[in-house]
Amino acid sequence: DADPSANPDARHIAHVARIDDVADMAAATSASGMGSGGMASKIAAAR
């Protein structure tokens, strides 16, 4: 529910029943900097 690398209190979400409920919980860039995706692309894939 927040960037875990910046917020140690970020809560892991184990199950998503509706994509629209989590559409805003996405960083647009790849964490490693090596790939082209990020959480935004993963949520788009889930949709």
PDB file of all heavy atoms in Angstrom:
ATOM      1  N   ASP A   1       0.813  -1.218   0.000  1.00  0.00           N
ATOM      2  CA  ASP A   1       0.000   0.000   0.000  1.00  0.00           C
ATOM      3  C   ASP A   1       0.847   1.269   0.000  1.00  0.00           C
ATOM      4  O   ASP A   1       0.322   2.380  -0.067  1.00  0.00           O
ATOM      5  CB  ASP A   1      -0.983   0.016   1.172  1.00  0.00           C
ATOM      6  CG  ASP A   1      -0.294   0.028   2.532  1.00  0.00           C
ATOM      7  OD1 ASP A   1       0.958  -0.015   2.585  1.00  0.00           O
ATOM      8  OD2 ASP A   1      -1.015   0.063   3.559  1.00  0.00           O
ATOM      9  N   ALA A   2       2.169   1.103   0.067  1.00  0.00           N
ATOM     10  CA  ALA A   2       3.116   2.211  -0.063  1.00  0.00           C
ATOM     11  C   ALA A   2       4.440   1.622  -0.530  1.00  0.00           C
ATOM     12  O   ALA A   2       4.622   0.393  -0.550  1.00  0.00           O
ATOM     13  CB  ALA A   2       3.286   2.941   1.269  1.00  0.00           C
ATOM     14  N   ASP A   3       5.374   2.478  -0.912  1.00  0.00           N
ATOM     15  CA  ASP A   3       6.678   2.003  -1.381  1.00  0.00           C
ATOM     16  C   ASP A   3       7.447   1.403  -0.200  1.00  0.00           C
ATOM     17  O   ASP A   3       7.846   2.131   0.709  1.00  0.00           O
ATOM     18  CB  ASP A   3       7.451   3.172  -1.980  1.00  0.00           C
ATOM     19  CG  ASP A   3       8.812   2.753  -2.537  1.00  0.00           C
ATOM     20  OD1 ASP A   3       9.175   1.561  -2.400  1.00  0.00           O
ATOM     21  OD2 ASP A   3       9.494   3.611  -3.114  1.00  0.00           O
ATOM     22  N   PRO A   4       7.683   0.080  -0.186  1.00  0.00           N
ATOM     23  CA  PRO A   4       8.343  -0.528   0.970  1.00  0.00           C
ATOM     24  C   PRO A   4       9.805  -0.117   1.123  1.00  0.00           C
ATOM     25  O   PRO A   4      10.355  -0.193   2.229  1.00  0.00           O
ATOM     26  CB  PRO A   4       8.208  -2.032   0.699  1.00  0.00           C
ATOM     27  CG  PRO A   4       8.048  -2.137  -0.778  1.00  0.00           C
ATOM     28  CD  PRO A   4       7.299  -0.917  -1.204  1.00  0.00           C
ATOM     29  N   SER A   5      10.432   0.326   0.044  1.00  0.00           N
ATOM     30  CA  SER A   5      11.818   0.757   0.155  1.00  0.00           C
ATOM     31  C   SER A   5      11.942   2.103   0.857  1.00  0.00           C
ATOM     32  O   SER A   5      12.997   2.430   1.410  1.00  0.00           O
ATOM     33  CB  SER A   5      12.455   0.849  -1.240  1.00  0.00           C
ATOM     34  OG  SER A   5      11.813   1.846  -2.032  1.00  0.00           O
ATOM     35  N   ALA A   6      10.860   2.877   0.842  1.00  0.00           N
ATOM     36  CA  ALA A   6      10.880   4.196   1.486  1.00  0.00           C
ATOM     37  C   ALA A   6      10.079   4.225   2.776  1.00  0.00           C
ATOM     38  O   ALA A   6      10.285   5.099   3.612  1.00  0.00           O
ATOM     39  CB  ALA A   6      10.331   5.250   0.513  1.00  0.00           C
ATOM     40  N   ASN A   7       9.182   3.264   2.940  1.00  0.00           N
ATOM     41  CA  ASN A   7       8.295   3.262   4.104  1.00  0.00           C
ATOM     42  C   ASN A   7       8.315   1.883   4.761  1.00  0.00           C
ATOM     43  O   ASN A   7       7.698   0.942   4.266  1.00  0.00           O
ATOM     44  CB  ASN A   7       6.872   3.621   3.669  1.00  0.00           C
ATOM     45  CG  ASN A   7       5.917   3.734   4.838  1.00  0.00           C
ATOM     46  OD1 ASN A   7       6.256   3.389   5.979  1.00  0.00           O
ATOM     47  ND2 ASN A   7       4.715   4.206   4.564  1.00  0.00           N
ATOM     48  N   PRO A   8       9.013   1.750   5.902  1.00  0.00           N
ATOM     49  CA  PRO A   8       9.101   0.440   6.566  1.00  0.00           C
ATOM     50  C   PRO A   8       7.764  -0.067   7.092  1.00  0.00           C
ATOM     51  O   PRO A   8       7.626  -1.254   7.395  1.00  0.00           O
ATOM     52  CB  PRO A   8      10.088   0.687   7.707  1.00  0.00           C
ATOM     53  CG  PRO A   8      10.039   2.153   7.948  1.00  0.00           C
ATOM     54  CD  PRO A   8       9.775   2.788   6.624  1.00  0.00           C
ATOM     55  N   ASP A   9       6.768   0.812   7.171  1.00  0.00           N
ATOM     56  CA  ASP A   9       5.450   0.408   7.650  1.00  0.00           C
ATOM     57  C   ASP A   9       4.501   0.038   6.510  1.00  0.00           C
ATOM     58  O   ASP A   9       3.312  -0.190   6.747  1.00  0.00           O
ATOM     59  CB  ASP A   9       4.824   1.534   8.477  1.00  0.00           C
ATOM     60  CG  ASP A   9       5.615   1.832   9.741  1.00  0.00           C
ATOM     61  OD1 ASP A   9       6.122   0.865  10.343  1.00  0.00           O
ATOM     62  OD2 ASP A   9       5.727   3.015  10.109  1.00  0.00           O
ATOM     63  N   ALA A  10       5.019  -0.006   5.300  1.00  0.00           N
ATOM     64  CA  ALA A  10       4.173  -0.367   4.156  1.00  0.00           C
ATOM     65  C   ALA A  10       3.571  -1.751   4.376  1.00  0.00           C
ATOM     66  O   ALA A  10       4.250  -2.676   4.821  1.00  0.00           O
ATOM     67  CB  ALA A  10       4.992  -0.340   2.871  1.00  0.00           C
ATOM     68  N   ARG A  11       2.308  -1.889   4.042  1.00  0.00           N
ATOM     69  CA  ARG A  11       1.578  -3.141   4.270  1.00  0.00           C
ATOM     70  C   ARG A  11       1.515  -3.972   2.993  1.00  0.00           C
ATOM     71  O   ARG A  11       1.115  -3.479   1.946  1.00  0.00           O
ATOM     72  CB  ARG A  11       0.162  -2.834   4.763  1.00  0.00           C
ATOM     73  CG  ARG A  11      -0.693  -4.068   5.055  1.00  0.00           C
ATOM     74  CD  ARG A  11      -2.041  -3.659   5.625  1.00  0.00           C
ATOM     75  NE  ARG A  11      -2.783  -2.827   4.676  1.00  0.00           N
ATOM     76  CZ  ARG A  11      -3.623  -3.331   3.740  1.00  0.00           C
ATOM     77  NH1 ARG A  11      -3.790  -4.642   3.638  1.00  0.00           N
ATOM     78  NH2 ARG A  11      -4.277  -2.509   2.937  1.00  0.00           N
ATOM     79  N   HIS A  12       1.912  -5.226   3.108  1.00  0.00           N
ATOM     80  CA  HIS A  12       1.830  -6.138   1.977  1.00  0.00           C
ATOM     81  C   HIS A  12       0.375  -6.538   1.748  1.00  0.00           C
ATOM     82  O   HIS A  12      -0.373  -6.790   2.692  1.00  0.00           O
ATOM     83  CB  HIS A  12       2.682  -7.386   2.244  1.00  0.00           C
ATOM     84  CG  HIS A  12       2.667  -8.375   1.123  1.00  0.00           C
ATOM     85  ND1 HIS A  12       1.749  -9.406   1.050  1.00  0.00           N
ATOM     86  CD2 HIS A  12       3.446  -8.490   0.017  1.00  0.00           C
ATOM     87  CE1 HIS A  12       1.973 -10.119  -0.047  1.00  0.00           C
ATOM     88  NE2 HIS A  12       2.987  -9.578  -0.685  1.00  0.00           N
ATOM     89  N   ILE A  13      -0.033  -6.591   0.489  1.00  0.00           N
ATOM     90  CA  ILE A  13      -1.400  -6.965   0.134  1.00  0.00           C
ATOM     91  C   ILE A  13      -1.367  -8.366  -0.467  1.00  0.00           C
ATOM     92  O   ILE A  13      -0.796  -8.577  -1.537  1.00  0.00           O
ATOM     93  CB  ILE A  13      -2.009  -5.953  -0.852  1.00  0.00           C
ATOM     94  CG1 ILE A  13      -2.052  -4.570  -0.198  1.00  0.00           C
ATOM     95  CG2 ILE A  13      -3.402  -6.388  -1.295  1.00  0.00           C
ATOM     96  CD1 ILE A  13      -2.443  -3.459  -1.137  1.00  0.00           C
ATOM     97  N   ALA A  14      -1.982  -9.310   0.223  1.00  0.00           N
ATOM     98  CA  ALA A  14      -1.894 -10.717  -0.190  1.00  0.00           C
ATOM     99  C   ALA A  14      -2.902 -11.075  -1.264  1.00  0.00           C
ATOM    100  O   ALA A  14      -2.629 -11.968  -2.090  1.00  0.00           O
ATOM    101  CB  ALA A  14      -2.088 -11.625   1.021  1.00  0.00           C
ATOM    102  N   HIS A  15      -4.043 -10.423  -1.269  1.00  0.00           N
ATOM    103  CA  HIS A  15      -5.103 -10.809  -2.208  1.00  0.00           C
ATOM    104  C   HIS A  15      -5.819  -9.575  -2.726  1.00  0.00           C
ATOM    105  O   HIS A  15      -6.141  -8.668  -1.955  1.00  0.00           O
ATOM    106  CB  HIS A  15      -6.100 -11.751  -1.519  1.00  0.00           C
ATOM    107  CG  HIS A  15      -7.147 -12.294  -2.443  1.00  0.00           C
ATOM    108  ND1 HIS A  15      -8.371 -11.686  -2.606  1.00  0.00           N
ATOM    109  CD2 HIS A  15      -7.146 -13.380  -3.263  1.00  0.00           C
ATOM    110  CE1 HIS A  15      -9.090 -12.376  -3.491  1.00  0.00           C
ATOM    111  NE2 HIS A  15      -8.364 -13.413  -3.890  1.00  0.00           N
ATOM    112  N   VAL A  16      -6.050  -9.531  -4.023  1.00  0.00           N
ATOM    113  CA  VAL A  16      -6.767  -8.421  -4.647  1.00  0.00           C
ATOM    114  C   VAL A  16      -7.985  -8.994  -5.365  1.00  0.00           C
ATOM    115  O   VAL A  16      -7.848  -9.777  -6.307  1.00  0.00           O
ATOM    116  CB  VAL A  16      -5.875  -7.658  -5.649  1.00  0.00           C
ATOM    117  CG1 VAL A  16      -6.682  -6.564  -6.344  1.00  0.00           C
ATOM    118  CG2 VAL A  16      -4.658  -7.070  -4.950  1.00  0.00           C
ATOM    119  N   ALA A  17      -9.164  -8.612  -4.898  1.00  0.00           N
ATOM    120  CA  ALA A  17     -10.399  -9.105  -5.515  1.00  0.00           C
ATOM    121  C   ALA A  17     -10.842  -8.214  -6.675  1.00  0.00           C
ATOM    122  O   ALA A  17     -11.400  -8.697  -7.653  1.00  0.00           O
ATOM    123  CB  ALA A  17     -11.504  -9.191  -4.470  1.00  0.00           C
ATOM    124  N   ARG A  18     -10.572  -6.894  -6.567  1.00  0.00           N
ATOM    125  CA  ARG A  18     -10.966  -5.938  -7.602  1.00  0.00           C
ATOM    126  C   ARG A  18      -9.771  -5.067  -7.950  1.00  0.00           C
ATOM    127  O   ARG A  18      -9.191  -4.415  -7.083  1.00  0.00           O
ATOM    128  CB  ARG A  18     -12.128  -5.050  -7.135  1.00  0.00           C
ATOM    129  CG  ARG A  18     -13.438  -5.792  -6.908  1.00  0.00           C
ATOM    130  CD  ARG A  18     -14.531  -4.844  -6.434  1.00  0.00           C
ATOM    131  NE  ARG A  18     -14.909  -3.864  -7.449  1.00  0.00           N
ATOM    132  CZ  ARG A  18     -14.553  -2.583  -7.452  1.00  0.00           C
ATOM    133  NH1 ARG A  18     -13.783  -2.095  -6.482  1.00  0.00           N
ATOM    134  NH2 ARG A  18     -14.955  -1.774  -8.397  1.00  0.00           N
ATOM    135  N   ILE A  19      -9.415  -5.032  -9.231  1.00  0.00           N
ATOM    136  CA  ILE A  19      -8.247  -4.268  -9.672  1.00  0.00           C
ATOM    137  C   ILE A  19      -8.413  -2.785  -9.360  1.00  0.00           C
ATOM    138  O   ILE A  19      -7.458  -2.105  -8.962  1.00  0.00           O
ATOM    139  CB  ILE A  19      -8.019  -4.454 -11.189  1.00  0.00           C
ATOM    140  CG1 ILE A  19      -7.892  -5.939 -11.536  1.00  0.00           C
ATOM    141  CG2 ILE A  19      -6.768  -3.696 -11.631  1.00  0.00           C
ATOM    142  CD1 ILE A  19      -6.721  -6.620 -10.935  1.00  0.00           C
ATOM    143  N   ASP A  20      -9.623  -2.264  -9.506  1.00  0.00           N
ATOM    144  CA  ASP A  20      -9.834  -0.834  -9.290  1.00  0.00           C
ATOM    145  C   ASP A  20      -9.495  -0.408  -7.861  1.00  0.00           C
ATOM    146  O   ASP A  20      -9.186   0.763  -7.610  1.00  0.00           O
ATOM    147  CB  ASP A  20     -11.284  -0.456  -9.597  1.00  0.00           C
ATOM    148  CG  ASP A  20     -11.586  -0.499 -11.092  1.00  0.00           C
ATOM    149  OD1 ASP A  20     -10.625  -0.478 -11.887  1.00  0.00           O
ATOM    150  OD2 ASP A  20     -12.773  -0.570 -11.459  1.00  0.00           O
ATOM    151  N   ASP A  21      -9.543  -1.347  -6.920  1.00  0.00           N
ATOM    152  CA  ASP A  21      -9.245  -1.010  -5.534  1.00  0.00           C
ATOM    153  C   ASP A  21      -7.767  -0.698  -5.303  1.00  0.00           C
ATOM    154  O   ASP A  21      -7.411  -0.085  -4.291  1.00  0.00           O
ATOM    155  CB  ASP A  21      -9.656  -2.163  -4.611  1.00  0.00           C
ATOM    156  CG  ASP A  21     -11.165  -2.354  -4.557  1.00  0.00           C
ATOM    157  OD1 ASP A  21     -11.895  -1.413  -4.920  1.00  0.00           O
ATOM    158  OD2 ASP A  21     -11.607  -3.453  -4.164  1.00  0.00           O
ATOM    159  N   VAL A  22      -6.903  -1.149  -6.214  1.00  0.00           N
ATOM    160  CA  VAL A  22      -5.461  -0.981  -6.006  1.00  0.00           C
ATOM    161  C   VAL A  22      -4.791  -0.242  -7.165  1.00  0.00           C
ATOM    162  O   VAL A  22      -3.565  -0.181  -7.230  1.00  0.00           O
ATOM    163  CB  VAL A  22      -4.769  -2.357  -5.818  1.00  0.00           C
ATOM    164  CG1 VAL A  22      -5.313  -3.056  -4.580  1.00  0.00           C
ATOM    165  CG2 VAL A  22      -4.944  -3.241  -7.047  1.00  0.00           C
ATOM    166  N   ALA A  23      -5.580   0.312  -8.058  1.00  0.00           N
ATOM    167  CA  ALA A  23      -5.024   0.916  -9.271  1.00  0.00           C
ATOM    168  C   ALA A  23      -4.035   2.039  -8.976  1.00  0.00           C
ATOM    169  O   ALA A  23      -3.126   2.307  -9.768  1.00  0.00           O
ATOM    170  CB  ALA A  23      -6.145   1.427 -10.165  1.00  0.00           C
ATOM    171  N   ASP A  24      -4.189   2.713  -7.826  1.00  0.00           N
ATOM    172  CA  ASP A  24      -3.307   3.842  -7.498  1.00  0.00           C
ATOM    173  C   ASP A  24      -2.042   3.430  -6.746  1.00  0.00           C
ATOM    174  O   ASP A  24      -1.160   4.250  -6.500  1.00  0.00           O
ATOM    175  CB  ASP A  24      -4.061   4.871  -6.659  1.00  0.00           C
ATOM    176  CG  ASP A  24      -5.205   5.517  -7.427  1.00  0.00           C
ATOM    177  OD1 ASP A  24      -5.106   5.582  -8.665  1.00  0.00           O
ATOM    178  OD2 ASP A  24      -6.179   5.934  -6.785  1.00  0.00           O
ATOM    179  N   MET A  25      -1.941   2.158  -6.389  1.00  0.00           N
ATOM    180  CA  MET A  25      -0.799   1.696  -5.595  1.00  0.00           C
ATOM    181  C   MET A  25       0.323   1.196  -6.504  1.00  0.00           C
ATOM    182  O   MET A  25       0.712   0.039  -6.465  1.00  0.00           O
ATOM    183  CB  MET A  25      -1.220   0.568  -4.655  1.00  0.00           C
ATOM    184  CG  MET A  25      -2.294   0.955  -3.675  1.00  0.00           C
ATOM    185  SD  MET A  25      -2.750  -0.445  -2.640  1.00  0.00           S
ATOM    186  CE  MET A  25      -4.211   0.189  -1.817  1.00  0.00           C
ATOM    187  N   ALA A  26       0.857   2.065  -7.318  1.00  0.00           N
ATOM    188  CA  ALA A  26       1.818   1.603  -8.316  1.00  0.00           C
ATOM    189  C   ALA A  26       2.922   2.617  -8.538  1.00  0.00           C
ATOM    190  O   ALA A  26       2.671   3.794  -8.746  1.00  0.00           O
ATOM    191  CB  ALA A  26       1.115   1.328  -9.632  1.00  0.00           C
ATOM    192  N   ALA A  27       4.152   2.125  -8.501  1.00  0.00           N
ATOM    193  CA  ALA A  27       5.299   2.921  -8.921  1.00  0.00           C
ATOM    194  C   ALA A  27       5.524   2.637 -10.394  1.00  0.00           C
ATOM    195  O   ALA A  27       5.465   1.500 -10.835  1.00  0.00           O
ATOM    196  CB  ALA A  27       6.544   2.541  -8.120  1.00  0.00           C
ATOM    197  N   ALA A  28       5.781   3.666 -11.177  1.00  0.00           N
ATOM    198  CA  ALA A  28       5.845   3.500 -12.626  1.00  0.00           C
ATOM    199  C   ALA A  28       7.162   2.915 -13.104  1.00  0.00           C
ATOM    200  O   ALA A  28       7.266   2.455 -14.224  1.00  0.00           O
ATOM    201  CB  ALA A  28       5.605   4.849 -13.307  1.00  0.00           C
ATOM    202  N   THR A  29       8.200   2.926 -12.279  1.00  0.00           N
ATOM    203  CA  THR A  29       9.506   2.502 -12.754  1.00  0.00           C
ATOM    204  C   THR A  29       9.916   1.171 -12.166  1.00  0.00           C
ATOM    205  O   THR A  29       9.449   0.753 -11.123  1.00  0.00           O
ATOM    206  CB  THR A  29      10.575   3.554 -12.393  1.00  0.00           C
ATOM    207  OG1 THR A  29      10.570   3.746 -10.979  1.00  0.00           O
ATOM    208  CG2 THR A  29      10.276   4.871 -13.077  1.00  0.00           C
ATOM    209  N   SER A  30      10.833   0.509 -12.871  1.00  0.00           N
ATOM    210  CA  SER A  30      11.364  -0.759 -12.395  1.00  0.00           C
ATOM    211  C   SER A  30      12.260  -0.522 -11.196  1.00  0.00           C
ATOM    212  O   SER A  30      13.078   0.398 -11.182  1.00  0.00           O
ATOM    213  CB  SER A  30      12.177  -1.424 -13.523  1.00  0.00           C
ATOM    214  OG  SER A  30      12.934  -2.500 -13.036  1.00  0.00           O
ATOM    215  N   ALA A  31      12.117  -1.352 -10.175  1.00  0.00           N
ATOM    216  CA  ALA A  31      12.915  -1.175  -8.959  1.00  0.00           C
ATOM    217  C   ALA A  31      14.397  -1.348  -9.228  1.00  0.00           C
ATOM    218  O   ALA A  31      15.245  -0.670  -8.646  1.00  0.00           O
ATOM    219  CB  ALA A  31      12.448  -2.169  -7.894  1.00  0.00           C
ATOM    220  N   SER A  32      14.739  -2.267 -10.120  1.00  0.00           N
ATOM    221  CA  SER A  32      16.151  -2.553 -10.378  1.00  0.00           C
ATOM    222  C   SER A  32      16.783  -1.559 -11.334  1.00  0.00           C
ATOM    223  O   SER A  32      18.005  -1.421 -11.385  1.00  0.00           O
ATOM    224  CB  SER A  32      16.285  -3.959 -10.976  1.00  0.00           C
ATOM    225  OG  SER A  32      15.689  -4.000 -12.265  1.00  0.00           O
ATOM    226  N   GLY A  33      15.962  -0.881 -12.141  1.00  0.00           N
ATOM    227  CA  GLY A  33      16.497  -0.014 -13.184  1.00  0.00           C
ATOM    228  C   GLY A  33      16.946  -0.791 -14.399  1.00  0.00           C
ATOM    229  O   GLY A  33      17.355  -0.208 -15.399  1.00  0.00           O
ATOM    230  N   MET A  34      16.874  -2.117 -14.361  1.00  0.00           N
ATOM    231  CA  MET A  34      17.352  -2.945 -15.462  1.00  0.00           C
ATOM    232  C   MET A  34      16.246  -3.226 -16.465  1.00  0.00           C
ATOM    233  O   MET A  34      16.469  -3.288 -17.656  1.00  0.00           O
ATOM    234  CB  MET A  34      17.911  -4.266 -14.912  1.00  0.00           C
ATOM    235  CG  MET A  34      18.629  -5.120 -15.931  1.00  0.00           C
ATOM    236  SD  MET A  34      19.352  -6.577 -15.158  1.00  0.00           S
ATOM    237  CE  MET A  34      20.570  -5.837 -14.077  1.00  0.00           C
ATOM    238  N   GLY A  35      15.025  -3.399 -15.968  1.00  0.00           N
ATOM    239  CA  GLY A  35      13.911  -3.718 -16.845  1.00  0.00           C
ATOM    240  C   GLY A  35      13.137  -2.472 -17.237  1.00  0.00           C
ATOM    241  O   GLY A  35      13.522  -1.350 -16.933  1.00  0.00           O
ATOM    242  N   SER A  36      12.014  -2.691 -17.926  1.00  0.00           N
ATOM    243  CA  SER A  36      11.203  -1.569 -18.391  1.00  0.00           C
ATOM    244  C   SER A  36       9.884  -1.475 -17.653  1.00  0.00           C
ATOM    245  O   SER A  36       9.100  -0.574 -17.891  1.00  0.00           O
ATOM    246  CB  SER A  36      10.931  -1.710 -19.895  1.00  0.00           C
ATOM    247  OG  SER A  36      10.335  -2.962 -20.171  1.00  0.00           O
ATOM    248  N   GLY A  37       9.615  -2.417 -16.762  1.00  0.00           N
ATOM    249  CA  GLY A  37       8.332  -2.442 -16.069  1.00  0.00           C
ATOM    250  C   GLY A  37       8.412  -1.842 -14.686  1.00  0.00           C
ATOM    251  O   GLY A  37       9.395  -1.262 -14.266  1.00  0.00           O
ATOM    252  N   GLY A  38       7.363  -2.003 -13.932  1.00  0.00           N
ATOM    253  CA  GLY A  38       7.230  -1.534 -12.572  1.00  0.00           C
ATOM    254  C   GLY A  38       5.901  -2.041 -12.077  1.00  0.00           C
ATOM    255  O   GLY A  38       5.247  -2.830 -12.736  1.00  0.00           O
ATOM    256  N   MET A  39       5.462  -1.576 -10.909  1.00  0.00           N
ATOM    257  CA  MET A  39       4.195  -2.070 -10.396  1.00  0.00           C
ATOM    258  C   MET A  39       3.023  -1.607 -11.250  1.00  0.00           C
ATOM    259  O   MET A  39       2.008  -2.302 -11.361  1.00  0.00           O
ATOM    260  CB  MET A  39       4.014  -1.623  -8.943  1.00  0.00           C
ATOM    261  CG  MET A  39       2.945  -2.408  -8.206  1.00  0.00           C
ATOM    262  SD  MET A  39       3.166  -4.217  -8.254  1.00  0.00           S
ATOM    263  CE  MET A  39       4.656  -4.408  -7.263  1.00  0.00           C
ATOM    264  N   ALA A  40       3.153  -0.441 -11.895  1.00  0.00           N
ATOM    265  CA  ALA A  40       2.072   0.023 -12.764  1.00  0.00           C
ATOM    266  C   ALA A  40       1.836  -0.955 -13.899  1.00  0.00           C
ATOM    267  O   ALA A  40       0.689  -1.270 -14.245  1.00  0.00           O
ATOM    268  CB  ALA A  40       2.401   1.408 -13.310  1.00  0.00           C
ATOM    269  N   SER A  41       2.913  -1.464 -14.493  1.00  0.00           N
ATOM    270  CA  SER A  41       2.750  -2.417 -15.597  1.00  0.00           C
ATOM    271  C   SER A  41       2.200  -3.746 -15.095  1.00  0.00           C
ATOM    272  O   SER A  41       1.464  -4.441 -15.803  1.00  0.00           O
ATOM    273  CB  SER A  41       4.084  -2.626 -16.325  1.00  0.00           C
ATOM    274  OG  SER A  41       5.000  -3.365 -15.534  1.00  0.00           O
ATOM    275  N   LYS A  42       2.524  -4.113 -13.866  1.00  0.00           N
ATOM    276  CA  LYS A  42       2.010  -5.373 -13.300  1.00  0.00           C
ATOM    277  C   LYS A  42       0.508  -5.277 -13.016  1.00  0.00           C
ATOM    278  O   LYS A  42      -0.233  -6.246 -13.226  1.00  0.00           O
ATOM    279  CB  LYS A  42       2.801  -5.736 -12.047  1.00  0.00           C
ATOM    280  CG  LYS A  42       4.233  -6.163 -12.352  1.00  0.00           C
ATOM    281  CD  LYS A  42       5.070  -6.347 -11.109  1.00  0.00           C
ATOM    282  CE  LYS A  42       6.450  -6.887 -11.460  1.00  0.00           C
ATOM    283  NZ  LYS A  42       7.181  -6.058 -12.436  1.00  0.00           N
ATOM    284  N   ILE A  43       0.059  -4.132 -12.536  1.00  0.00           N
ATOM    285  CA  ILE A  43      -1.372  -3.952 -12.314  1.00  0.00           C
ATOM    286  C   ILE A  43      -2.111  -3.926 -13.655  1.00  0.00           C
ATOM    287  O   ILE A  43      -3.207  -4.479 -13.790  1.00  0.00           O
ATOM    288  CB  ILE A  43      -1.629  -2.687 -11.495  1.00  0.00           C
ATOM    289  CG1 ILE A  43      -1.147  -2.903 -10.048  1.00  0.00           C
ATOM    290  CG2 ILE A  43      -3.106  -2.308 -11.507  1.00  0.00           C
ATOM    291  CD1 ILE A  43      -1.275  -1.701  -9.157  1.00  0.00           C
ATOM    292  N   ALA A  44      -1.498  -3.299 -14.677  1.00  0.00           N
ATOM    293  CA  ALA A  44      -2.101  -3.327 -16.011  1.00  0.00           C
ATOM    294  C   ALA A  44      -2.201  -4.766 -16.524  1.00  0.00           C
ATOM    295  O   ALA A  44      -3.198  -5.154 -17.131  1.00  0.00           O
ATOM    296  CB  ALA A  44      -1.280  -2.473 -16.971  1.00  0.00           C
ATOM    297  N   ALA A  45      -1.170  -5.566 -16.259  1.00  0.00           N
ATOM    298  CA  ALA A  45      -1.198  -6.973 -16.654  1.00  0.00           C
ATOM    299  C   ALA A  45      -2.297  -7.724 -15.915  1.00  0.00           C
ATOM    300  O   ALA A  45      -3.004  -8.560 -16.496  1.00  0.00           O
ATOM    301  CB  ALA A  45       0.157  -7.619 -16.380  1.00  0.00           C
ATOM    302  N   ALA A  46      -2.456  -7.427 -14.623  1.00  0.00           N
ATOM    303  CA  ALA A  46      -3.505  -8.082 -13.837  1.00  0.00           C
ATOM    304  C   ALA A  46      -4.886  -7.751 -14.381  1.00  0.00           C
ATOM    305  O   ALA A  46      -5.777  -8.613 -14.399  1.00  0.00           O
ATOM    306  CB  ALA A  46      -3.390  -7.659 -12.376  1.00  0.00           C
ATOM    307  N   ARG A  47      -5.071  -6.540 -14.844  1.00  0.00           N
ATOM    308  CA  ARG A  47      -6.364  -6.142 -15.403  1.00  0.00           C
ATOM    309  C   ARG A  47      -6.664  -6.939 -16.670  1.00  0.00           C
ATOM    310  O   ARG A  47      -7.790  -7.418 -16.882  1.00  0.00           O
ATOM    311  CB  ARG A  47      -6.382  -4.639 -15.698  1.00  0.00           C
ATOM    312  CG  ARG A  47      -7.752  -4.101 -16.056  1.00  0.00           C
ATOM    313  CD  ARG A  47      -7.695  -2.600 -16.345  1.00  0.00           C
ATOM    314  NE  ARG A  47      -7.317  -1.812 -15.189  1.00  0.00           N
ATOM    315  CZ  ARG A  47      -8.153  -1.442 -14.232  1.00  0.00           C
ATOM    316  NH1 ARG A  47      -9.413  -1.827 -14.272  1.00  0.00           N
ATOM    317  NH2 ARG A  47      -7.731  -0.705 -13.229  1.00  0.00           N
TER     318      ARG A  47
END
